[in-house]
Amino acid sequence: MKRSLLCLSMLLATSVFAKLPAPVLTDEAKAKAEETKARTAWTAKVTNYKLCLSMDRAASNYFKTAATTGKAVKPAAALPACADPGPFNYVAATAAPAVK
């Protein structure tokens, strides 16, 4: 009994390691994946822009409060301004026609 359970469990365990075939993506699914990839990149840019704005607000608040308390503060380092990524707009790349 124990031996048959052991054999059965080993058989089931080896079937877990079986590799599934890669899914076949249609052109529509590939386009949707590209759009999702572009939206994710845009979302990262928006997040970085909001982080930049919040860091600017925190720095200006620090300099303002330090000046009122009379602390000697070094001037802020020159950094590029925060770049607004704008609204999301995705233009799907069209496939080049096949040359015969």
Protein backbone atom coordinates (compact mmCIF):
# COMPACT_ATOMS: atom_id res chain seq x y z
CA MET A 1 0.00 0.00 0.00
CA LYS A 2 2.76 2.41 0.95
CA ARG A 3 4.70 1.49 -2.13
CA SER A 4 1.75 2.17 -4.45
CA LEU A 5 1.12 5.55 -2.78
CA LEU A 6 4.78 6.42 -3.16
CA CYS A 7 4.73 5.50 -6.85
CA LEU A 8 1.53 7.44 -7.39
CA SER A 9 2.89 10.52 -5.65
CA MET A 10 6.12 10.34 -7.68
CA LEU A 11 4.11 10.08 -10.88
CA LEU A 12 2.04 13.11 -9.95
CA ALA A 13 5.11 15.06 -8.88
CA THR A 14 6.83 14.52 -12.22
CA SER A 15 3.76 15.68 -14.11
CA VAL A 16 3.96 19.01 -12.28
CA PHE A 17 7.32 19.68 -13.89
CA ALA A 18 5.95 19.22 -17.41
CA LYS A 19 6.50 22.34 -19.50
CA LEU A 20 3.45 23.93 -21.05
CA PRO A 21 3.71 25.09 -24.64
CA ALA A 22 4.05 28.83 -25.24
CA PRO A 23 0.71 30.45 -26.02
CA VAL A 24 0.16 31.49 -29.62
CA LEU A 25 -0.68 35.19 -29.66
CA THR A 26 -2.89 36.66 -32.31
CA ASP A 27 -2.12 40.03 -33.87
CA GLU A 28 -4.88 41.56 -31.74
CA ALA A 29 -3.38 40.13 -28.55
CA LYS A 30 0.08 41.38 -29.54
CA ALA A 31 -1.32 44.87 -30.18
CA LYS A 32 -3.08 44.83 -26.82
CA ALA A 33 0.16 43.76 -25.13
CA GLU A 34 2.06 46.61 -26.80
CA GLU A 35 -0.59 49.09 -25.69
CA THR A 36 -0.40 47.77 -22.13
CA LYS A 37 3.37 48.09 -22.24
CA ALA A 38 3.09 51.70 -23.42
CA ARG A 39 0.49 52.53 -20.75
CA THR A 40 2.73 51.04 -18.05
CA ALA A 41 5.66 53.16 -19.23
CA TRP A 42 3.45 56.28 -19.23
CA THR A 43 2.19 55.47 -15.73
CA ALA A 44 5.79 55.25 -14.53
CA LYS A 45 6.50 58.68 -16.05
CA VAL A 46 3.44 60.17 -14.33
CA THR A 47 4.50 58.65 -11.02
CA ASN A 48 8.00 60.09 -11.38
CA TYR A 49 6.51 63.50 -12.25
CA LYS A 50 4.33 63.49 -9.14
CA LEU A 51 7.31 62.42 -7.04
CA CYS A 52 9.36 65.27 -8.49
CA LEU A 53 6.63 67.79 -7.65
CA SER A 54 6.33 66.53 -4.10
CA MET A 55 10.10 66.70 -3.61
CA ASP A 56 10.08 70.28 -4.91
CA ARG A 57 7.32 71.19 -2.44
CA ALA A 58 9.20 69.55 0.42
CA ALA A 59 12.43 71.34 -0.47
CA SER A 60 10.74 74.74 -0.78
CA ASN A 61 8.99 74.17 2.56
CA TYR A 62 12.33 73.29 4.15
CA PHE A 63 14.05 76.39 2.79
CA LYS A 64 11.13 78.59 3.87
CA THR A 65 11.02 77.24 7.42
CA ALA A 66 14.81 77.23 7.76
CA ALA A 67 14.92 80.90 6.72
CA THR A 68 12.29 81.86 9.31
CA THR A 69 14.14 80.05 12.12
CA GLY A 70 17.43 81.69 11.17
CA LYS A 71 19.33 78.55 10.15
CA ALA A 72 22.14 78.94 7.66
CA VAL A 73 21.12 76.95 4.60
CA LYS A 74 23.24 76.11 1.59
CA PRO A 75 21.64 77.01 -1.74
CA ALA A 76 19.75 74.25 -3.50
CA ALA A 77 21.50 72.28 -6.19
CA ALA A 78 20.45 73.13 -9.73
CA LEU A 79 18.27 70.32 -11.03
CA PRO A 80 16.20 70.09 -14.21
CA ALA A 81 12.56 71.09 -13.89
CA CYS A 82 9.91 68.40 -13.52
CA ALA A 83 8.71 67.27 -16.96
CA ASP A 84 4.97 66.69 -17.28
CA PRO A 85 4.41 63.56 -19.43
CA GLY A 86 1.03 64.85 -20.63
CA PRO A 87 -2.02 62.73 -21.36
CA PHE A 88 -1.70 59.13 -22.50
CA ASN A 89 -1.82 58.75 -26.26
CA TYR A 90 -0.92 55.51 -27.93
CA VAL A 91 -0.47 55.22 -31.66
CA ALA A 92 -0.26 51.61 -32.76
CA ALA A 93 2.63 50.87 -35.05
CA THR A 94 1.35 49.62 -38.37
CA ALA A 95 3.10 46.70 -39.97
CA ALA A 96 5.04 47.42 -43.13
CA PRO A 97 3.53 45.84 -46.23
CA ALA A 98 5.23 42.66 -47.35
CA VAL A 99 7.52 43.09 -50.34
CA LYS A 100 7.16 40.36 -52.94
